[in-house]
Amino acid sequence: MSDTNKPYTIQSNKKGSCNTEDHVKWNRRSFLQALGLVGGGTMMLANTPLSVSRPSPLSIALSQAENDNILILCRLSGGNDGFNTIIPVYDYDIYANARPLIKIPPSEFISLSDEYAMPKPMNKLESVWGDGQMKIVHGVGYEDSSLSHFKGSDIYANTNLVEEDRTGFMGRYFQDIYPDYVFNPPASPPSIQIGSIGNLIFKGPENDFSFAVSDPKRLLQIAQNGTSYNTEGLGECTYNDKVRHLREVTNTTFTYADVISAAYDKSGPTDFAGYLDDSLGRQLSIISRLIKGGLGTKVYLVTLGGFDTHNNQTQRHQELLNSFSEAISTFYKDLTAAGWDDKVLTMTMSEFGRRFKENGSLGTDHGTAAPTMFFGTALNGNGFVGEHPDLSNLTRGGNVFNTTDFRQVYATVMKEWLCVDETTVGKVLLGGSYESLDLGFNCSGTNPNIPTDGDGITHIVTYSDNQTYINIATPETTHMDIALYNVIGQKVATLRNEVVMEGELIIDVKQSANTRLSTGPYIYRIETNKGNYSRSILIS
């Protein structure tokens, strides 16, 4: 095992020895608990924190979607200052008075319209805007915004404004709709996150997230080599037992190492020229190769940190915006050259914006609303969406009021890009109903959220008077074996095992099970001679 592939070093009492008294009181569970690994979590390997997790229902669902659309979530970590990103030219006097020392002067404008501009460090996005690959949604946030980094990040992930929730909105969706991981995990990683491991967006009630690394260098190693950690040649003492088990657990994160490596190699022998050798540039460069290599992953989360600009904002923020614009511009040039630009939608997100007025340290403090930027040819033109916050109407703390609920942005992307039906989106967003924003794209054709197996069978679940029904429609007479499983994959009942005639079939689950079913979630599986499909249901 090479030095660069050593996950960590623990000193024993004597060099080269195996001290059986080391960790004598530790069993495997206590060892993992001490590292925060029991039940999932993160750890340090090769100086890189890695998530230890299984493919999530979110990921499974997206990997099975019927379109080729890919979503890139670009997290601007720390709270991006929207006022110095998209400058309100129409109210420049009010803006300049609030920020006398950190304002962007007109000589540094890149004009987007008569009313808005970008600062010159974002000049690489001028052509993206001109090519109709960029839209801006004004005033994104929520009422009574939390000004805490941690709580703010969690709220943007879980969408729960009322109480703490350790699940994410997309994780909840796929936990409910596509639990196929119990029977048939996907062949490729459903989602990949870099630089922001353990984000709640991908966490469901029982299973969580995606293939995750905190450093793009580690993902690059996996993409180039497809390697995991060596467990051979370790002795039998307590220390080596712990090392072996830790590496085995870590390798669960690398389940997809081979397919990632294959996609990376398939995309071509050389990288697309032009990416800066910085954090976001490296992240998007790797992702581009995985997309072009046909990996099949539907959602990527990338992170650019450093936006908590309490002081020296002018220099720090402009450097970050330059890095961001360079990476996005090069990414879409790369995708356009390969014919992928209309299939990849990128959106920014941040835990909050910045306060409208500057502070006494040449910076800005935690604020509320901020613009969300979208990129991609699918936007069908540039433009602005929504109403800009009123700069003359501030809270007592000096913050603007949001004009677009961030959940409306999520609902639009889910309904119109990922093609999730409106009823399900409302449920996933905890009962909210949100009208779609006009971002220039919409879903058409069949609804991928009505499951259809290989022979054209459709099936949905309905609930009425504390009863659970499976509604099946088949275009031809076929044999069906319909079984019910609990959430750990144990078969609890056969609902049907017979020839079903062409037309509709309604199954009362509790009656057909012919056994007592406890209240809670279950999974049914339909098998025919041409295919099969699974979906979760709830027994009340």
Protein backbone atom coordinates (compact mmCIF):
# COMPACT_ATOMS: atom_id res chain seq x y z
CA MET A 1 0.00 0.00 0.00
CA SER A 2 1.58 3.29 -1.04
CA ASP A 3 2.07 6.17 1.36
CA THR A 4 -0.47 8.26 -0.53
CA ASN A 5 -3.13 5.64 0.03
CA LYS A 6 -2.72 5.27 3.79
CA PRO A 7 -5.94 6.29 5.49
CA TYR A 8 -4.41 7.25 8.81
CA THR A 9 -1.57 6.49 11.24
CA ILE A 10 -1.92 5.31 14.84
CA GLN A 11 1.21 4.98 16.95
CA SER A 12 1.73 1.74 18.87
CA ASN A 13 4.01 1.40 21.88
CA LYS A 14 6.87 -0.02 19.85
CA LYS A 15 7.65 0.66 16.24
CA GLY A 16 6.72 -2.30 14.06
CA SER A 17 4.98 -4.09 16.92
CA CYS A 18 1.37 -4.97 17.46
CA ASN A 19 0.49 -4.09 21.04
CA THR A 20 -2.39 -6.31 22.08
CA GLU A 21 -3.02 -4.03 25.06
CA ASP A 22 -3.82 -1.10 22.78
CA HIS A 23 -7.58 -0.49 22.73
CA VAL A 24 -8.06 -3.58 24.89
CA LYS A 25 -11.33 -2.20 26.20
CA TRP A 26 -12.62 -1.31 22.73
CA ASN A 27 -14.96 -3.49 20.77
CA ARG A 28 -15.79 -2.72 17.15
CA ARG A 29 -18.88 -0.73 18.00
CA SER A 30 -17.16 1.46 20.57
CA PHE A 31 -14.31 2.04 18.12
CA LEU A 32 -16.72 3.22 15.43
CA GLN A 33 -18.73 5.27 17.90
CA ALA A 34 -15.59 7.10 18.88
CA LEU A 35 -15.03 7.94 15.22
CA GLY A 36 -18.65 8.91 14.62
CA LEU A 37 -19.22 6.09 12.15
CA VAL A 38 -22.06 4.08 13.69
CA GLY A 39 -25.19 4.69 11.67
CA GLY A 40 -23.29 6.57 8.98
CA GLY A 41 -21.15 9.64 9.29
CA THR A 42 -17.77 10.87 8.18
CA MET A 43 -14.13 10.13 8.87
CA MET A 44 -10.68 11.22 7.78
CA LEU A 45 -8.86 9.16 5.16
CA ALA A 46 -5.84 10.46 3.26
CA ASN A 47 -6.54 13.80 4.98
CA THR A 48 -10.00 13.85 3.40
CA PRO A 49 -13.30 13.43 5.26
CA LEU A 50 -15.47 10.80 3.56
CA SER A 51 -19.09 9.87 4.08
CA VAL A 52 -19.87 6.29 4.98
CA SER A 53 -23.32 5.70 3.54
CA ARG A 54 -25.55 3.69 1.27
CA PRO A 55 -27.23 4.77 -1.98
CA SER A 56 -30.33 6.74 -1.04
CA PRO A 57 -33.86 6.44 -2.41
CA LEU A 58 -33.31 9.94 -3.80
CA SER A 59 -30.40 8.72 -5.82
CA ILE A 60 -32.10 5.55 -6.98
CA ALA A 61 -35.08 7.47 -8.24
CA LEU A 62 -33.05 9.98 -10.19
CA SER A 63 -30.93 7.29 -11.79
CA GLN A 64 -34.12 5.65 -13.08
CA ALA A 65 -35.75 8.85 -14.38
CA GLU A 66 -37.03 8.68 -17.94
CA ASN A 67 -35.25 11.80 -19.19
CA ASP A 68 -31.57 12.61 -19.46
CA ASN A 69 -31.75 15.78 -17.36
CA ILE A 70 -28.95 16.36 -14.87
CA LEU A 71 -29.01 18.83 -11.99
CA ILE A 72 -25.92 20.52 -10.54
CA LEU A 73 -26.43 22.16 -7.15
CA CYS A 74 -23.67 24.73 -6.63
CA ARG A 75 -23.47 25.68 -2.97
CA LEU A 76 -21.93 29.09 -2.22
CA SER A 77 -21.06 28.28 1.35
CA GLY A 78 -20.96 31.00 3.98
CA GLY A 79 -23.76 33.25 2.72
CA ASN A 80 -23.26 34.98 -0.62
CA ASP A 81 -23.71 38.75 -0.83
CA GLY A 82 -26.35 39.06 -3.54
CA PHE A 83 -26.21 42.87 -3.71
CA ASN A 84 -22.60 42.85 -4.90
CA THR A 85 -23.28 39.88 -7.18
CA ILE A 86 -26.31 41.24 -9.03
CA ILE A 87 -26.11 45.00 -8.58
CA PRO A 88 -29.42 46.92 -8.36
CA VAL A 89 -28.56 49.69 -10.85
CA TYR A 90 -32.15 50.95 -10.85
CA ASP A 91 -31.76 52.02 -7.18
CA TYR A 92 -28.04 52.74 -7.26
CA ASP A 93 -28.17 55.81 -5.00
CA ILE A 94 -29.81 53.84 -2.17
CA TYR A 95 -27.40 50.96 -2.74
CA ALA A 96 -24.34 53.26 -2.73
CA ASN A 97 -25.43 55.09 0.42
CA ALA A 98 -25.83 51.79 2.25
CA ARG A 99 -22.38 50.64 1.10
CA PRO A 100 -20.15 53.69 0.74
CA LEU A 101 -16.90 51.72 1.10
CA ILE A 102 -17.71 48.36 -0.48
CA LYS A 103 -20.06 49.38 -3.31
CA ILE A 104 -19.29 48.35 -6.89
CA PRO A 105 -18.71 51.58 -8.88
CA PRO A 106 -20.36 52.02 -12.30
CA SER A 107 -16.95 51.80 -13.97
CA GLU A 108 -16.79 48.17 -12.77
CA PHE A 109 -20.21 47.17 -14.14
CA ILE A 110 -20.96 44.44 -16.64
CA SER A 111 -24.42 45.45 -17.80
CA LEU A 112 -27.11 42.77 -17.84
CA SER A 113 -29.98 45.20 -18.47
CA ASP A 114 -30.89 48.79 -17.77
CA GLU A 115 -31.69 47.79 -14.18
CA TYR A 116 -29.04 45.22 -13.17
CA ALA A 117 -25.33 44.58 -13.57
CA MET A 118 -22.58 42.19 -12.48
CA PRO A 119 -19.13 43.23 -11.21
CA LYS A 120 -16.21 42.88 -13.61
CA PRO A 121 -14.70 39.85 -11.85
CA MET A 122 -17.70 37.93 -13.22
CA ASN A 123 -16.78 38.91 -16.79
CA LYS A 124 -16.59 35.29 -17.95
CA LEU A 125 -20.36 35.04 -17.43
CA GLU A 126 -21.01 37.90 -19.86
CA SER A 127 -20.93 35.49 -22.81
CA VAL A 128 -23.01 32.94 -20.89
CA TRP A 129 -25.64 35.64 -20.38
CA GLY A 130 -25.34 36.73 -24.01
CA ASP A 131 -25.81 33.13 -25.20
CA GLY A 132 -29.07 32.85 -23.27
CA GLN A 133 -27.67 30.35 -20.76
CA MET A 134 -28.28 32.33 -17.57
CA LYS A 135 -31.31 33.43 -15.55
CA ILE A 136 -31.57 35.13 -12.16
CA VAL A 137 -34.37 34.66 -9.62
CA HIS A 138 -34.68 37.70 -7.34
CA GLY A 139 -35.04 37.81 -3.57
CA VAL A 140 -34.89 34.11 -2.72
CA GLY A 141 -35.34 33.32 0.98
CA TYR A 142 -38.04 32.76 3.59
CA GLU A 143 -39.82 34.65 6.37
CA ASP A 144 -37.96 35.21 9.65
CA SER A 145 -34.74 33.94 8.13
CA SER A 146 -32.28 32.27 10.45
CA LEU A 147 -28.95 34.06 10.50
CA SER A 148 -27.11 30.96 11.71
CA HIS A 149 -24.85 29.13 9.27
CA PHE A 150 -25.80 25.72 10.61
CA LYS A 151 -29.53 26.24 11.02
CA GLY A 152 -29.74 28.19 7.77
CA SER A 153 -28.02 25.39 5.86
CA ASP A 154 -30.31 22.81 7.42
CA ILE A 155 -33.46 24.79 6.58
CA TYR A 156 -32.43 25.11 2.93
CA ALA A 157 -31.90 21.35 2.91
CA ASN A 158 -34.96 20.14 4.83
CA THR A 159 -37.44 22.99 4.05
CA ASN A 160 -38.92 22.79 7.56
CA LEU A 161 -39.34 26.29 8.97
CA VAL A 162 -41.14 25.16 12.12
CA GLU A 163 -39.01 22.51 13.79
CA GLU A 164 -35.70 20.71 13.44
CA ASP A 165 -35.81 17.99 10.83
CA ARG A 166 -32.86 15.72 10.09
CA THR A 167 -34.08 14.76 6.62
CA GLY A 168 -33.80 16.52 3.27
CA PHE A 169 -36.61 17.34 0.87
CA MET A 170 -35.22 15.23 -1.95
CA GLY A 171 -34.33 12.39 0.39
CA ARG A 172 -37.94 12.33 1.68
CA TYR A 173 -39.26 12.24 -1.86
CA PHE A 174 -37.27 9.25 -2.96
CA GLN A 175 -37.66 7.40 0.31
CA ASP A 176 -41.39 7.47 -0.36
CA ILE A 177 -41.50 6.94 -4.11
CA TYR A 178 -38.62 4.72 -5.20
CA PRO A 179 -37.32 2.31 -2.55
CA ASP A 180 -35.82 -0.11 -5.10
CA TYR A 181 -32.48 -0.19 -3.30
CA VAL A 182 -33.93 -3.00 -1.15
CA PHE A 183 -33.97 -5.28 -4.17
CA ASN A 184 -31.91 -3.81 -6.97
CA PRO A 185 -29.35 -1.05 -6.29
CA PRO A 186 -28.55 0.96 -9.42
CA ALA A 187 -25.54 0.13 -11.52
CA SER A 188 -24.14 3.67 -11.26
CA PRO A 189 -23.95 6.15 -8.39
CA PRO A 190 -27.26 8.02 -8.23
CA SER A 191 -25.79 11.23 -6.80
CA ILE A 192 -22.34 12.59 -6.06
CA GLN A 193 -21.41 15.41 -3.72
CA ILE A 194 -18.03 17.09 -3.47
CA GLY A 195 -16.90 19.48 -0.78
CA SER A 196 -20.09 19.29 1.28
CA ILE A 197 -20.34 15.80 2.72
CA GLY A 198 -23.36 14.80 4.73
CA ASN A 199 -25.64 17.52 3.40
CA LEU A 200 -29.22 16.95 4.59
CA ILE A 201 -30.61 17.43 1.08
CA PHE A 202 -29.86 13.78 0.33
CA LYS A 203 -30.93 12.28 3.66
CA GLY A 204 -34.16 10.30 3.92
CA PRO A 205 -35.87 9.09 7.10
CA GLU A 206 -34.03 5.77 7.02
CA ASN A 207 -31.36 5.85 4.32
CA ASP A 208 -29.06 8.55 3.25
CA PHE A 209 -27.31 10.24 0.61
CA SER A 210 -24.82 9.82 -2.13
CA PHE A 211 -21.27 9.02 -3.05
CA ALA A 212 -19.51 11.79 -1.16
CA VAL A 213 -16.00 13.17 -0.85
CA SER A 214 -14.91 16.46 0.59
CA ASP A 215 -11.93 17.01 -1.70
CA PRO A 216 -12.03 16.81 -5.52
CA LYS A 217 -8.52 15.35 -5.43
CA ARG A 218 -9.92 12.25 -3.75
CA LEU A 219 -12.67 11.91 -6.34
CA LEU A 220 -10.04 12.32 -9.05
CA GLN A 221 -8.02 9.47 -7.53
CA ILE A 222 -11.09 7.26 -7.61
CA ALA A 223 -11.98 8.33 -11.16
CA GLN A 224 -8.46 7.66 -12.43
CA ASN A 225 -7.77 4.42 -10.60
CA GLY A 226 -11.06 2.96 -9.41
CA THR A 227 -9.24 1.92 -6.27
CA SER A 228 -10.45 1.36 -2.74
CA TYR A 229 -8.49 0.64 0.42
CA ASN A 230 -6.39 -2.49 0.82
CA THR A 231 -7.47 -4.91 3.57
CA GLU A 232 -4.90 -7.62 2.86
CA GLY A 233 -1.77 -8.30 4.87
CA LEU A 234 -3.10 -7.08 8.22
CA GLY A 235 -2.36 -9.09 11.38
CA GLU A 236 -4.79 -10.44 13.93
CA CYS A 237 -4.10 -8.11 16.85
CA THR A 238 -6.63 -5.64 18.21
CA TYR A 239 -5.13 -2.65 16.40
CA ASN A 240 -5.05 -4.34 13.00
CA ASP A 241 -8.55 -5.67 13.57
CA LYS A 242 -9.74 -2.10 13.97
CA VAL A 243 -7.79 -0.95 10.91
CA ARG A 244 -9.21 -3.78 8.80
CA HIS A 245 -12.78 -3.07 9.86
CA LEU A 246 -12.42 0.68 9.33
CA ARG A 247 -11.12 0.11 5.81
CA GLU A 248 -13.94 -2.31 5.07
CA VAL A 249 -16.48 0.26 6.23
CA THR A 250 -14.76 2.95 4.20
CA ASN A 251 -14.89 0.81 1.09
CA THR A 252 -18.68 0.92 1.23
CA THR A 253 -18.29 4.54 0.18
CA PHE A 254 -16.33 3.36 -2.83
CA THR A 255 -18.90 0.84 -4.08
CA TYR A 256 -19.03 2.68 -7.38
CA ALA A 257 -15.31 3.27 -7.79
CA ASP A 258 -15.03 1.04 -10.84
CA VAL A 259 -17.99 2.55 -12.72
CA ILE A 260 -16.82 6.07 -11.93
CA SER A 261 -13.38 5.21 -13.23
CA ALA A 262 -14.83 3.63 -16.37
CA ALA A 263 -16.96 6.71 -17.14
CA TYR A 264 -14.02 9.02 -16.51
CA ASP A 265 -11.82 7.05 -18.90
CA LYS A 266 -14.57 6.78 -21.51
CA SER A 267 -14.95 10.55 -21.77
CA GLY A 268 -11.54 10.92 -23.35
CA PRO A 269 -7.83 10.80 -22.62
CA THR A 270 -7.48 14.50 -21.83
CA ASP A 271 -9.45 17.09 -19.91
CA PHE A 272 -11.18 20.02 -21.61
CA ALA A 273 -8.74 22.93 -21.59
CA GLY A 274 -9.52 26.10 -19.71
CA TYR A 275 -10.50 25.06 -16.19
CA LEU A 276 -8.65 26.94 -13.49
CA ASP A 277 -6.72 24.77 -11.05
CA ASP A 278 -8.86 25.84 -8.11
CA SER A 279 -11.50 24.10 -6.02
CA LEU A 280 -14.61 24.74 -8.12
CA GLY A 281 -12.75 24.37 -11.40
CA ARG A 282 -11.49 20.94 -10.35
CA GLN A 283 -14.93 19.86 -9.17
CA LEU A 284 -16.71 20.82 -12.38
CA SER A 285 -13.92 19.45 -14.57
CA ILE A 286 -14.29 16.01 -13.02
CA ILE A 287 -18.08 16.15 -13.17
CA SER A 288 -17.97 17.09 -16.85
CA ARG A 289 -15.90 14.02 -17.66
CA LEU A 290 -18.26 11.78 -15.69
CA ILE A 291 -21.28 13.21 -17.51
CA LYS A 292 -19.65 12.86 -20.94
CA GLY A 293 -18.56 9.35 -20.03
CA GLY A 294 -22.17 8.33 -19.52
CA LEU A 295 -21.95 7.66 -15.79
CA GLY A 296 -25.71 8.10 -15.39
CA THR A 297 -25.62 10.08 -12.15
CA LYS A 298 -28.50 12.56 -12.07
CA VAL A 299 -27.62 14.98 -9.26
CA TYR A 300 -24.30 16.53 -8.29
CA LEU A 301 -23.63 18.85 -5.38
CA VAL A 302 -20.50 21.01 -5.56
CA THR A 303 -19.32 23.59 -3.05
CA LEU A 304 -17.37 26.83 -3.20
CA GLY A 305 -16.63 28.10 0.31
CA GLY A 306 -15.49 31.40 1.74
CA PHE A 307 -18.58 33.60 1.31
CA ASP A 308 -18.81 34.60 4.99
CA THR A 309 -17.38 38.04 4.21
CA HIS A 310 -17.57 39.95 7.51
CA ASN A 311 -14.40 41.86 6.67
CA ASN A 312 -12.27 42.84 3.67
CA GLN A 313 -15.21 41.89 1.47
CA THR A 314 -14.23 43.82 -1.65
CA GLN A 315 -11.16 41.70 -2.36
CA ARG A 316 -12.39 38.39 -0.94
CA HIS A 317 -15.79 38.44 -2.59
CA GLN A 318 -14.50 39.49 -5.98
CA GLU A 319 -11.91 36.69 -5.92
CA LEU A 320 -14.68 34.18 -5.17
CA LEU A 321 -16.93 35.57 -7.90
CA ASN A 322 -14.06 35.38 -10.36
CA SER A 323 -13.46 31.72 -9.47
CA PHE A 324 -17.18 31.00 -9.74
CA SER A 325 -17.64 32.69 -13.11
CA GLU A 326 -14.51 31.11 -14.59
CA ALA A 327 -15.64 27.63 -13.54
CA ILE A 328 -19.24 27.99 -14.75
CA SER A 329 -18.22 29.55 -18.07
CA THR A 330 -15.65 26.84 -18.80
CA PHE A 331 -18.05 24.11 -17.67
CA TYR A 332 -20.70 25.15 -20.20
CA LYS A 333 -18.17 25.62 -22.99
CA ASP A 334 -17.08 22.08 -22.25
CA LEU A 335 -20.65 20.74 -22.20
CA THR A 336 -21.59 22.67 -25.36
CA ALA A 337 -18.66 21.20 -27.27
CA ALA A 338 -19.82 17.73 -26.24
CA GLY A 339 -23.53 18.37 -26.91
CA TRP A 340 -24.61 18.14 -23.25
CA ASP A 341 -25.37 21.79 -22.49
CA ASP A 342 -29.15 21.44 -22.88
CA LYS A 343 -29.28 18.45 -20.50
CA VAL A 344 -27.42 20.00 -17.56
CA LEU A 345 -29.05 22.62 -15.33
CA THR A 346 -26.95 24.36 -12.68
CA MET A 347 -28.42 26.38 -9.81
CA THR A 348 -26.75 28.22 -6.94
CA MET A 349 -27.77 27.98 -3.32
CA SER A 350 -26.50 29.53 -0.08
CA GLU A 351 -27.66 29.42 3.55
CA PHE A 352 -28.59 33.12 3.49
CA GLY A 353 -27.63 36.42 1.90
CA ARG A 354 -25.82 39.39 3.47
CA ARG A 355 -27.14 42.45 5.25
CA PHE A 356 -27.90 45.33 2.91
CA LYS A 357 -25.76 47.86 4.80
CA GLU A 358 -22.02 47.38 5.19
CA ASN A 359 -20.53 46.91 8.66
CA GLY A 360 -17.56 48.68 10.25
CA SER A 361 -15.02 46.12 9.01
CA LEU A 362 -15.36 46.69 5.27
CA GLY A 363 -17.70 43.72 5.05
CA THR A 364 -21.29 42.63 5.55
CA ASP A 365 -22.99 40.60 8.24
CA HIS A 366 -25.45 37.73 7.93
CA GLY A 367 -28.56 38.69 6.02
CA THR A 368 -31.70 37.29 4.45
CA ALA A 369 -32.68 37.09 0.79
CA ALA A 370 -30.31 36.74 -2.16
CA PRO A 371 -30.59 35.96 -5.87
CA THR A 372 -30.43 32.39 -7.16
CA MET A 373 -28.58 31.99 -10.45
CA PHE A 374 -29.43 29.34 -13.04
CA PHE A 375 -27.27 28.21 -15.95
CA GLY A 376 -27.86 26.01 -19.00
CA THR A 377 -29.13 26.09 -22.58
CA ALA A 378 -32.45 24.63 -21.37
CA LEU A 379 -33.28 28.06 -19.91
CA ASN A 380 -34.04 29.18 -23.49
CA GLY A 381 -32.76 32.71 -23.03
CA ASN A 382 -31.46 35.03 -20.34
CA GLY A 383 -33.58 37.14 -18.01
CA PHE A 384 -34.82 37.90 -14.52
CA VAL A 385 -37.56 36.10 -12.63
CA GLY A 386 -39.57 37.55 -9.77
CA GLU A 387 -39.45 40.91 -8.02
CA HIS A 388 -36.32 42.43 -6.54
CA PRO A 389 -36.57 43.22 -2.79
CA ASP A 390 -37.52 46.79 -1.91
CA LEU A 391 -34.29 48.47 -0.78
CA SER A 392 -36.26 51.18 1.04
CA ASN A 393 -38.20 48.69 3.16
CA LEU A 394 -35.87 46.95 5.60
CA THR A 395 -36.35 44.95 8.78
CA ARG A 396 -35.29 46.39 12.13
CA GLY A 397 -32.02 44.52 11.67
CA GLY A 398 -31.36 46.18 8.31
CA ASN A 399 -32.28 43.26 6.10
CA VAL A 400 -34.50 43.11 3.02
CA PHE A 401 -37.65 41.02 2.87
CA ASN A 402 -37.61 38.01 0.59
CA THR A 403 -39.80 38.17 -2.51
CA THR A 404 -39.44 34.54 -3.67
CA ASP A 405 -39.81 31.57 -1.35
CA PHE A 406 -36.85 29.21 -1.80
CA ARG A 407 -39.31 26.30 -1.72
CA GLN A 408 -40.96 27.70 -4.85
CA VAL A 409 -37.58 27.47 -6.56
CA TYR A 410 -37.23 23.84 -5.43
CA ALA A 411 -40.77 23.03 -6.52
CA THR A 412 -40.11 24.45 -9.98
CA VAL A 413 -36.94 22.42 -10.44
CA MET A 414 -38.61 19.24 -9.19
CA LYS A 415 -41.75 19.64 -11.31
CA GLU A 416 -40.32 21.13 -14.49
CA TRP A 417 -36.78 19.70 -14.64
CA LEU A 418 -36.90 16.41 -12.73
CA CYS A 419 -40.55 15.91 -13.76
CA VAL A 420 -42.04 15.09 -10.36
CA ASP A 421 -45.84 15.28 -10.18
CA GLU A 422 -47.29 18.27 -8.35
CA THR A 423 -49.04 16.27 -5.61
CA THR A 424 -45.82 14.54 -4.64
CA VAL A 425 -43.88 17.81 -4.67
CA GLY A 426 -46.40 19.31 -2.25
CA LYS A 427 -46.05 16.36 0.09
CA VAL A 428 -42.26 16.40 -0.06
CA LEU A 429 -42.22 20.13 0.69
CA LEU A 430 -44.25 19.43 3.83
CA GLY A 431 -47.68 20.33 2.55
CA GLY A 432 -46.86 23.48 0.64
CA SER A 433 -48.31 24.29 -2.76
CA TYR A 434 -46.02 26.32 -5.00
CA GLU A 435 -46.66 27.65 -8.47
CA SER A 436 -43.86 27.03 -10.94
CA LEU A 437 -41.60 29.91 -11.86
CA ASP A 438 -41.06 30.61 -15.54
CA LEU A 439 -37.47 29.44 -15.98
CA GLY A 440 -37.87 28.61 -19.67
CA PHE A 441 -38.26 24.81 -19.45
CA ASN A 442 -41.01 22.39 -18.56
CA CYS A 443 -41.67 18.67 -18.54
CA SER A 444 -43.52 17.06 -21.41
CA GLY A 445 -44.44 13.53 -22.41
CA THR A 446 -45.02 10.71 -19.97
CA ASN A 447 -44.91 11.25 -16.24
CA PRO A 448 -41.94 9.30 -14.85
CA ASN A 449 -43.54 9.26 -11.43
CA ILE A 450 -46.26 6.80 -12.44
CA PRO A 451 -44.13 3.67 -12.35
CA THR A 452 -44.18 1.63 -15.52
CA ASP A 453 -42.42 -1.70 -15.89
CA GLY A 454 -41.07 -3.31 -19.03
CA ASP A 455 -44.43 -4.53 -20.35
CA GLY A 456 -46.30 -1.23 -19.98
CA ILE A 457 -47.96 -1.87 -16.61
CA THR A 458 -48.75 1.26 -14.58
CA HIS A 459 -49.37 1.25 -10.85
CA ILE A 460 -50.06 3.89 -8.21
CA VAL A 461 -51.01 3.81 -4.54
CA THR A 462 -54.18 5.42 -3.17
CA TYR A 463 -55.49 5.78 0.38
CA SER A 464 -59.12 5.94 1.52
CA ASP A 465 -60.83 5.38 4.90
CA ASN A 466 -57.68 3.98 6.51
CA GLN A 467 -57.29 1.51 3.67
CA THR A 468 -54.35 1.20 1.28
CA TYR A 469 -54.94 0.26 -2.35
CA ILE A 470 -52.63 -0.60 -5.25
CA ASN A 471 -54.21 0.46 -8.55
CA ILE A 472 -52.76 -1.49 -11.47
CA ALA A 473 -53.48 -1.16 -15.18
CA THR A 474 -52.12 -3.70 -17.67
CA PRO A 475 -52.46 -3.47 -21.48
CA GLU A 476 -52.52 -7.25 -21.89
CA THR A 477 -53.25 -10.45 -20.02
CA THR A 478 -50.21 -11.47 -18.01
CA HIS A 479 -49.12 -13.44 -14.97
CA MET A 480 -48.34 -11.31 -11.91
CA ASP A 481 -46.65 -12.19 -8.65
CA ILE A 482 -47.28 -9.29 -6.28
CA ALA A 483 -45.54 -9.54 -2.92
CA LEU A 484 -45.39 -7.29 0.14
CA TYR A 485 -42.13 -6.68 2.03
CA ASN A 486 -41.23 -4.85 5.20
CA VAL A 487 -38.63 -2.08 5.13
CA ILE A 488 -35.71 -4.45 5.75
CA GLY A 489 -36.61 -6.59 2.77
CA GLN A 490 -38.40 -9.50 4.46
CA LYS A 491 -41.40 -10.87 2.57
CA VAL A 492 -44.53 -10.65 4.71
CA ALA A 493 -47.31 -11.58 2.28
CA THR A 494 -48.25 -12.54 -1.27
CA LEU A 495 -50.97 -10.21 -2.52
CA ARG A 496 -51.51 -11.92 -5.89
CA ASN A 497 -49.91 -14.82 -7.76
CA GLU A 498 -52.14 -15.41 -10.74
CA VAL A 499 -52.96 -14.53 -14.33
CA VAL A 500 -54.38 -11.01 -14.49
CA MET A 501 -56.64 -10.03 -17.36
CA GLU A 502 -56.15 -6.93 -19.50
CA GLY A 503 -57.53 -3.79 -17.83
CA GLU A 504 -57.56 -2.47 -14.27
CA LEU A 505 -56.93 -4.29 -11.01
CA ILE A 506 -57.45 -2.76 -7.57
CA ILE A 507 -55.84 -4.54 -4.62
CA ASP A 508 -56.93 -3.87 -1.03
CA VAL A 509 -53.55 -4.48 0.59
CA LYS A 510 -54.64 -5.37 4.13
CA GLN A 511 -57.40 -7.65 2.92
CA SER A 512 -55.22 -9.38 0.33
CA ALA A 513 -52.32 -9.88 2.75
CA ASN A 514 -54.44 -12.28 4.81
CA THR A 515 -52.22 -11.63 7.81
CA ARG A 516 -51.97 -8.97 10.47
CA LEU A 517 -49.98 -5.95 9.24
CA SER A 518 -48.50 -3.49 11.70
CA THR A 519 -48.91 0.20 11.03
CA GLY A 520 -46.01 1.68 9.10
CA PRO A 521 -44.14 1.65 5.78
CA TYR A 522 -43.95 -1.38 3.48
CA ILE A 523 -42.79 -2.09 -0.06
CA TYR A 524 -44.65 -4.01 -2.74
CA ARG A 525 -43.02 -5.70 -5.72
CA ILE A 526 -44.73 -6.65 -8.96
CA GLU A 527 -43.08 -9.39 -11.03
CA THR A 528 -44.16 -10.41 -14.52
CA ASN A 529 -42.47 -12.43 -17.23
CA LYS A 530 -41.21 -9.21 -18.82
CA GLY A 531 -40.12 -7.09 -15.88
CA ASN A 532 -40.70 -5.95 -12.34
CA TYR A 533 -41.12 -2.80 -10.27
CA SER A 534 -41.32 -1.77 -6.60
CA ARG A 535 -42.80 1.07 -4.65
CA SER A 536 -43.28 2.04 -1.01
CA ILE A 537 -46.69 2.22 0.65
CA LEU A 538 -48.01 3.09 4.09
CA ILE A 539 -50.30 0.87 6.15
CA SER A 540 -52.36 2.84 8.66
